[in-house]
């Protein structure tokens, strides 16, 4: 085994145009009231890596173009379809009208641990909320369910961008067709 050099990794990378035209996974990320531009950029980068259908930015979540978003997104704002819908409840309702099952990534009294989640009805949208307050109560009320990431230490939460990555990775893993790669 040897680590691939940067040029070898670039040879395997698809272009922004190919990414935008690709068949995307039936998962959407919804970002509600995320305050950190760096967290937003990280979610864009994860959405690109997971080939999500799109991101929906809501509330006071900052939108591109912003230098701080670009710094962590590393170009993913150009390869990930996204839209801004001010009201997160409206966003959830629109997604449900489009046929999406909507889950909040939130600690609730009826949440399902991610490692015990039965196959959700695809297409699916995952809502993540503010770094301090989480997903808003009004938004949560309109979600079809809540998913929780099991915590084993003292802290009961993760950084929102990290939690988003774990959540969408698991949702994509269940439907993704592995890409072959010659080694």
C-alpha atoms as a PDB file:
ATOM      1  CA  UNK A   1       0.000   0.000   0.000  1.00  0.00           C
ATOM      2  CA  UNK A   2       1.095   3.543  -0.744  1.00  0.00           C
ATOM      3  CA  UNK A   3      -0.514   6.893  -0.335  1.00  0.00           C
ATOM      4  CA  UNK A   4      -1.718   8.445  -3.588  1.00  0.00           C
ATOM      5  CA  UNK A   5      -0.047  11.676  -4.549  1.00  0.00           C
ATOM      6  CA  UNK A   6      -2.103  14.779  -5.266  1.00  0.00           C
ATOM      7  CA  UNK A   7      -1.848  14.384  -9.061  1.00  0.00           C
ATOM      8  CA  UNK A   8      -3.166  10.802  -8.875  1.00  0.00           C
ATOM      9  CA  UNK A   9      -6.121  11.947  -6.792  1.00  0.00           C
ATOM     10  CA  UNK A  10      -6.846  14.748  -9.273  1.00  0.00           C
ATOM     11  CA  UNK A  11      -6.927  12.214 -12.130  1.00  0.00           C
ATOM     12  CA  UNK A  12      -9.836  10.442 -10.401  1.00  0.00           C
ATOM     13  CA  UNK A  13     -11.785  13.614  -9.646  1.00  0.00           C
ATOM     14  CA  UNK A  14     -14.815  14.523 -11.703  1.00  0.00           C
ATOM     15  CA  UNK A  15     -15.297  18.082 -12.934  1.00  0.00           C
ATOM     16  CA  UNK A  16     -17.847  20.534 -11.543  1.00  0.00           C
ATOM     17  CA  UNK A  17     -19.834  20.124 -14.752  1.00  0.00           C
ATOM     18  CA  UNK A  18     -19.823  16.329 -14.403  1.00  0.00           C
ATOM     19  CA  UNK A  19     -20.856  16.632 -10.763  1.00  0.00           C
ATOM     20  CA  UNK A  20     -23.771  18.914 -11.600  1.00  0.00           C
ATOM     21  CA  UNK A  21     -24.922  16.547 -14.369  1.00  0.00           C
ATOM     22  CA  UNK A  22     -24.399  13.342 -12.347  1.00  0.00           C
ATOM     23  CA  UNK A  23     -27.146  11.170 -10.964  1.00  0.00           C
ATOM     24  CA  UNK A  24     -27.145  12.362  -7.378  1.00  0.00           C
ATOM     25  CA  UNK A  25     -28.050  10.460  -4.239  1.00  0.00           C
ATOM     26  CA  UNK A  26     -31.661  10.912  -3.061  1.00  0.00           C
ATOM     27  CA  UNK A  27     -30.610  12.911   0.009  1.00  0.00           C
ATOM     28  CA  UNK A  28     -30.973  16.633   0.675  1.00  0.00           C
ATOM     29  CA  UNK A  29     -29.349  18.576   3.493  1.00  0.00           C
ATOM     30  CA  UNK A  30     -31.279  21.368   5.182  1.00  0.00           C
ATOM     31  CA  UNK A  31     -29.240  23.896   7.191  1.00  0.00           C
ATOM     32  CA  UNK A  32     -31.361  25.882   9.640  1.00  0.00           C
ATOM     33  CA  UNK A  33     -29.916  28.987  11.300  1.00  0.00           C
ATOM     34  CA  UNK A  34     -26.280  27.897  11.098  1.00  0.00           C
ATOM     35  CA  UNK A  35     -24.289  30.889  12.322  1.00  0.00           C
ATOM     36  CA  UNK A  36     -20.738  29.873  11.380  1.00  0.00           C
ATOM     37  CA  UNK A  37     -19.753  30.492   7.790  1.00  0.00           C
ATOM     38  CA  UNK A  38     -17.052  27.848   8.229  1.00  0.00           C
ATOM     39  CA  UNK A  39     -19.665  25.258   9.250  1.00  0.00           C
ATOM     40  CA  UNK A  40     -21.705  26.154   6.168  1.00  0.00           C
ATOM     41  CA  UNK A  41     -18.620  25.715   3.985  1.00  0.00           C
ATOM     42  CA  UNK A  42     -17.900  22.368   5.599  1.00  0.00           C
ATOM     43  CA  UNK A  43     -21.473  21.215   4.920  1.00  0.00           C
ATOM     44  CA  UNK A  44     -21.054  22.213   1.258  1.00  0.00           C
ATOM     45  CA  UNK A  45     -17.856  20.181   1.068  1.00  0.00           C
ATOM     46  CA  UNK A  46     -19.582  17.169   2.642  1.00  0.00           C
ATOM     47  CA  UNK A  47     -22.584  17.566   0.321  1.00  0.00           C
ATOM     48  CA  UNK A  48     -20.181  17.467  -2.621  1.00  0.00           C
ATOM     49  CA  UNK A  49     -18.331  14.416  -1.306  1.00  0.00           C
ATOM     50  CA  UNK A  50     -21.626  12.568  -0.752  1.00  0.00           C
ATOM     51  CA  UNK A  51     -23.128  13.801  -4.055  1.00  0.00           C
ATOM     52  CA  UNK A  52     -26.263  15.062  -2.322  1.00  0.00           C
ATOM     53  CA  UNK A  53     -29.101  16.266  -4.530  1.00  0.00           C
ATOM     54  CA  UNK A  54     -28.872  19.722  -3.021  1.00  0.00           C
ATOM     55  CA  UNK A  55     -28.574  21.847   0.080  1.00  0.00           C
ATOM     56  CA  UNK A  56     -31.363  24.061   1.347  1.00  0.00           C
ATOM     57  CA  UNK A  57     -30.135  26.980   3.452  1.00  0.00           C
ATOM     58  CA  UNK A  58     -32.703  28.504   5.803  1.00  0.00           C
ATOM     59  CA  UNK A  59     -33.166  31.275   8.329  1.00  0.00           C
ATOM     60  CA  UNK A  60     -30.059  33.303   8.993  1.00  0.00           C
ATOM     61  CA  UNK A  61     -27.721  30.663   7.567  1.00  0.00           C
ATOM     62  CA  UNK A  62     -25.207  32.620   5.455  1.00  0.00           C
ATOM     63  CA  UNK A  63     -25.179  31.921   1.731  1.00  0.00           C
ATOM     64  CA  UNK A  64     -22.427  31.978  -0.894  1.00  0.00           C
ATOM     65  CA  UNK A  65     -20.536  33.852  -2.096  1.00  0.00           C
ATOM     66  CA  UNK A  66     -18.643  34.513   1.119  1.00  0.00           C
ATOM     67  CA  UNK A  67     -14.887  34.194   1.616  1.00  0.00           C
ATOM     68  CA  UNK A  68     -15.307  32.250   4.868  1.00  0.00           C
ATOM     69  CA  UNK A  69     -17.670  29.726   3.243  1.00  0.00           C
ATOM     70  CA  UNK A  70     -15.315  29.297   0.294  1.00  0.00           C
ATOM     71  CA  UNK A  71     -12.357  28.714   2.601  1.00  0.00           C
ATOM     72  CA  UNK A  72     -13.809  25.445   3.934  1.00  0.00           C
ATOM     73  CA  UNK A  73     -15.984  24.531   0.933  1.00  0.00           C
ATOM     74  CA  UNK A  74     -12.914  24.387  -1.352  1.00  0.00           C
ATOM     75  CA  UNK A  75     -15.021  25.005  -4.460  1.00  0.00           C
ATOM     76  CA  UNK A  76     -18.019  22.872  -3.448  1.00  0.00           C
ATOM     77  CA  UNK A  77     -20.337  25.886  -3.714  1.00  0.00           C
ATOM     78  CA  UNK A  78     -19.837  25.479  -7.470  1.00  0.00           C
ATOM     79  CA  UNK A  79     -20.496  21.711  -7.579  1.00  0.00           C
ATOM     80  CA  UNK A  80     -23.441  21.402  -5.171  1.00  0.00           C
ATOM     81  CA  UNK A  81     -26.893  22.627  -6.178  1.00  0.00           C
ATOM     82  CA  UNK A  82     -28.320  24.811  -3.429  1.00  0.00           C
ATOM     83  CA  UNK A  83     -31.157  27.173  -2.696  1.00  0.00           C
ATOM     84  CA  UNK A  84     -32.138  29.584   0.025  1.00  0.00           C
ATOM     85  CA  UNK A  85     -35.587  29.445   1.619  1.00  0.00           C
ATOM     86  CA  UNK A  86     -35.881  31.940   4.465  1.00  0.00           C
ATOM     87  CA  UNK A  87     -38.508  30.052   6.495  1.00  0.00           C
ATOM     88  CA  UNK A  88     -37.317  26.567   7.543  1.00  0.00           C
ATOM     89  CA  UNK A  89     -40.904  25.354   8.076  1.00  0.00           C
ATOM     90  CA  UNK A  90     -41.723  26.384   4.512  1.00  0.00           C
ATOM     91  CA  UNK A  91     -38.625  24.523   3.326  1.00  0.00           C
ATOM     92  CA  UNK A  92     -39.685  21.345   5.137  1.00  0.00           C
ATOM     93  CA  UNK A  93     -43.228  21.612   3.782  1.00  0.00           C
ATOM     94  CA  UNK A  94     -41.954  22.095   0.215  1.00  0.00           C
ATOM     95  CA  UNK A  95     -39.678  19.072   0.535  1.00  0.00           C
ATOM     96  CA  UNK A  96     -42.566  16.959   1.809  1.00  0.00           C
ATOM     97  CA  UNK A  97     -44.665  18.120  -1.169  1.00  0.00           C
ATOM     98  CA  UNK A  98     -41.797  16.963  -3.406  1.00  0.00           C
ATOM     99  CA  UNK A  99     -42.055  13.500  -1.805  1.00  0.00           C
ATOM    100  CA  UNK A 100     -39.188  13.714   0.682  1.00  0.00           C
ATOM    101  CA  UNK A 101     -39.259  12.101   4.097  1.00  0.00           C
ATOM    102  CA  UNK A 102     -37.829  14.739   6.427  1.00  0.00           C
ATOM    103  CA  UNK A 103     -35.785  13.860   9.507  1.00  0.00           C
ATOM    104  CA  UNK A 104     -34.215  16.246  11.984  1.00  0.00           C
ATOM    105  CA  UNK A 105     -30.786  15.409  13.342  1.00  0.00           C
ATOM    106  CA  UNK A 106     -31.736  16.273  16.897  1.00  0.00           C
ATOM    107  CA  UNK A 107     -31.988  14.919  20.439  1.00  0.00           C
ATOM    108  CA  UNK A 108     -35.691  14.384  21.150  1.00  0.00           C
ATOM    109  CA  UNK A 109     -37.912  12.230  23.319  1.00  0.00           C
ATOM    110  CA  UNK A 110     -38.745  10.069  20.276  1.00  0.00           C
ATOM    111  CA  UNK A 111     -35.512  10.091  18.302  1.00  0.00           C
ATOM    112  CA  UNK A 112     -34.073   7.021  16.637  1.00  0.00           C
ATOM    113  CA  UNK A 113     -30.376   6.323  17.220  1.00  0.00           C
ATOM    114  CA  UNK A 114     -28.559   6.426  13.885  1.00  0.00           C
ATOM    115  CA  UNK A 115     -27.148   2.924  14.405  1.00  0.00           C
ATOM    116  CA  UNK A 116     -30.704   1.568  14.869  1.00  0.00           C
ATOM    117  CA  UNK A 117     -32.331   3.462  12.035  1.00  0.00           C
ATOM    118  CA  UNK A 118     -34.362   1.215   9.780  1.00  0.00           C
ATOM    119  CA  UNK A 119     -34.222   2.112   6.126  1.00  0.00           C
ATOM    120  CA  UNK A 120     -35.904   5.502   5.801  1.00  0.00           C
ATOM    121  CA  UNK A 121     -38.254   6.148   2.902  1.00  0.00           C
ATOM    122  CA  UNK A 122     -36.161   7.727   0.154  1.00  0.00           C
ATOM    123  CA  UNK A 123     -35.844  10.394  -1.011  1.00  0.00           C
ATOM    124  CA  UNK A 124     -34.910  11.824   2.374  1.00  0.00           C
ATOM    125  CA  UNK A 125     -33.984  15.239   3.733  1.00  0.00           C
ATOM    126  CA  UNK A 126     -31.884  15.726   6.853  1.00  0.00           C
ATOM    127  CA  UNK A 127     -32.352  18.941   8.833  1.00  0.00           C
ATOM    128  CA  UNK A 128     -29.522  20.201  11.033  1.00  0.00           C
ATOM    129  CA  UNK A 129     -29.900  23.235  13.241  1.00  0.00           C
ATOM    130  CA  UNK A 130     -28.133  26.042  14.974  1.00  0.00           C
ATOM    131  CA  UNK A 131     -24.866  25.303  16.768  1.00  0.00           C
ATOM    132  CA  UNK A 132     -26.372  26.164  20.171  1.00  0.00           C
ATOM    133  CA  UNK A 133     -30.162  25.801  19.894  1.00  0.00           C
ATOM    134  CA  UNK A 134     -30.333  22.946  17.363  1.00  0.00           C
ATOM    135  CA  UNK A 135     -33.356  22.459  15.120  1.00  0.00           C
ATOM    136  CA  UNK A 136     -36.141  24.888  15.976  1.00  0.00           C
ATOM    137  CA  UNK A 137     -39.304  23.596  17.643  1.00  0.00           C
ATOM    138  CA  UNK A 138     -41.530  24.817  14.789  1.00  0.00           C
ATOM    139  CA  UNK A 139     -39.373  23.013  12.227  1.00  0.00           C
ATOM    140  CA  UNK A 140     -39.173  19.866  14.338  1.00  0.00           C
ATOM    141  CA  UNK A 141     -42.958  19.795  14.568  1.00  0.00           C
ATOM    142  CA  UNK A 142     -43.175  19.352  10.779  1.00  0.00           C
ATOM    143  CA  UNK A 143     -40.467  16.675  10.465  1.00  0.00           C
ATOM    144  CA  UNK A 144     -41.398  13.031   9.951  1.00  0.00           C
ATOM    145  CA  UNK A 145     -38.918  11.915  12.597  1.00  0.00           C
ATOM    146  CA  UNK A 146     -35.703  12.617  14.424  1.00  0.00           C
ATOM    147  CA  UNK A 147     -32.363  10.852  14.193  1.00  0.00           C
ATOM    148  CA  UNK A 148     -29.776  10.937  16.974  1.00  0.00           C
ATOM    149  CA  UNK A 149     -26.077  10.140  16.819  1.00  0.00           C
ATOM    150  CA  UNK A 150     -25.234   7.960  19.840  1.00  0.00           C
ATOM    151  CA  UNK A 151     -22.841   9.680  22.233  1.00  0.00           C
ATOM    152  CA  UNK A 152     -20.565   7.691  24.521  1.00  0.00           C
ATOM    153  CA  UNK A 153     -18.626  10.420  26.315  1.00  0.00           C
ATOM    154  CA  UNK A 154     -19.442  13.376  28.522  1.00  0.00           C
ATOM    155  CA  UNK A 155     -20.635  15.662  25.717  1.00  0.00           C
ATOM    156  CA  UNK A 156     -24.075  15.115  24.252  1.00  0.00           C
ATOM    157  CA  UNK A 157     -23.458  16.727  20.880  1.00  0.00           C
ATOM    158  CA  UNK A 158     -20.978  17.203  18.057  1.00  0.00           C
ATOM    159  CA  UNK A 159     -20.078  20.210  15.948  1.00  0.00           C
ATOM    160  CA  UNK A 160     -22.963  20.709  13.511  1.00  0.00           C
ATOM    161  CA  UNK A 161     -20.788  20.158  10.429  1.00  0.00           C
ATOM    162  CA  UNK A 162     -19.358  16.933  11.894  1.00  0.00           C
ATOM    163  CA  UNK A 163     -22.837  15.704  12.842  1.00  0.00           C
ATOM    164  CA  UNK A 164     -24.108  16.608   9.362  1.00  0.00           C
ATOM    165  CA  UNK A 165     -21.287  14.576   7.825  1.00  0.00           C
ATOM    166  CA  UNK A 166     -22.034  11.513   9.931  1.00  0.00           C
ATOM    167  CA  UNK A 167     -25.760  11.735   9.278  1.00  0.00           C
ATOM    168  CA  UNK A 168     -25.619  12.177   5.506  1.00  0.00           C
ATOM    169  CA  UNK A 169     -22.850   9.596   5.154  1.00  0.00           C
ATOM    170  CA  UNK A 170     -25.088   6.986   6.759  1.00  0.00           C
ATOM    171  CA  UNK A 171     -28.091   7.969   4.642  1.00  0.00           C
ATOM    172  CA  UNK A 172     -26.028   7.897   1.438  1.00  0.00           C
ATOM    173  CA  UNK A 173     -24.225   4.675   2.398  1.00  0.00           C
ATOM    174  CA  UNK A 174     -27.536   2.837   2.340  1.00  0.00           C
ATOM    175  CA  UNK A 175     -28.296   3.771  -1.280  1.00  0.00           C
ATOM    176  CA  UNK A 176     -24.905   4.439  -2.865  1.00  0.00           C
ATOM    177  CA  UNK A 177     -23.524   2.239  -5.579  1.00  0.00           C
ATOM    178  CA  UNK A 178     -19.779   1.891  -4.936  1.00  0.00           C
ATOM    179  CA  UNK A 179     -17.577   3.436  -7.612  1.00  0.00           C
ATOM    180  CA  UNK A 180     -14.862   1.172  -8.863  1.00  0.00           C
ATOM    181  CA  UNK A 181     -11.328   2.484  -8.783  1.00  0.00           C
ATOM    182  CA  UNK A 182      -8.301   0.880 -10.302  1.00  0.00           C
ATOM    183  CA  UNK A 183      -5.444   0.718  -7.837  1.00  0.00           C
END
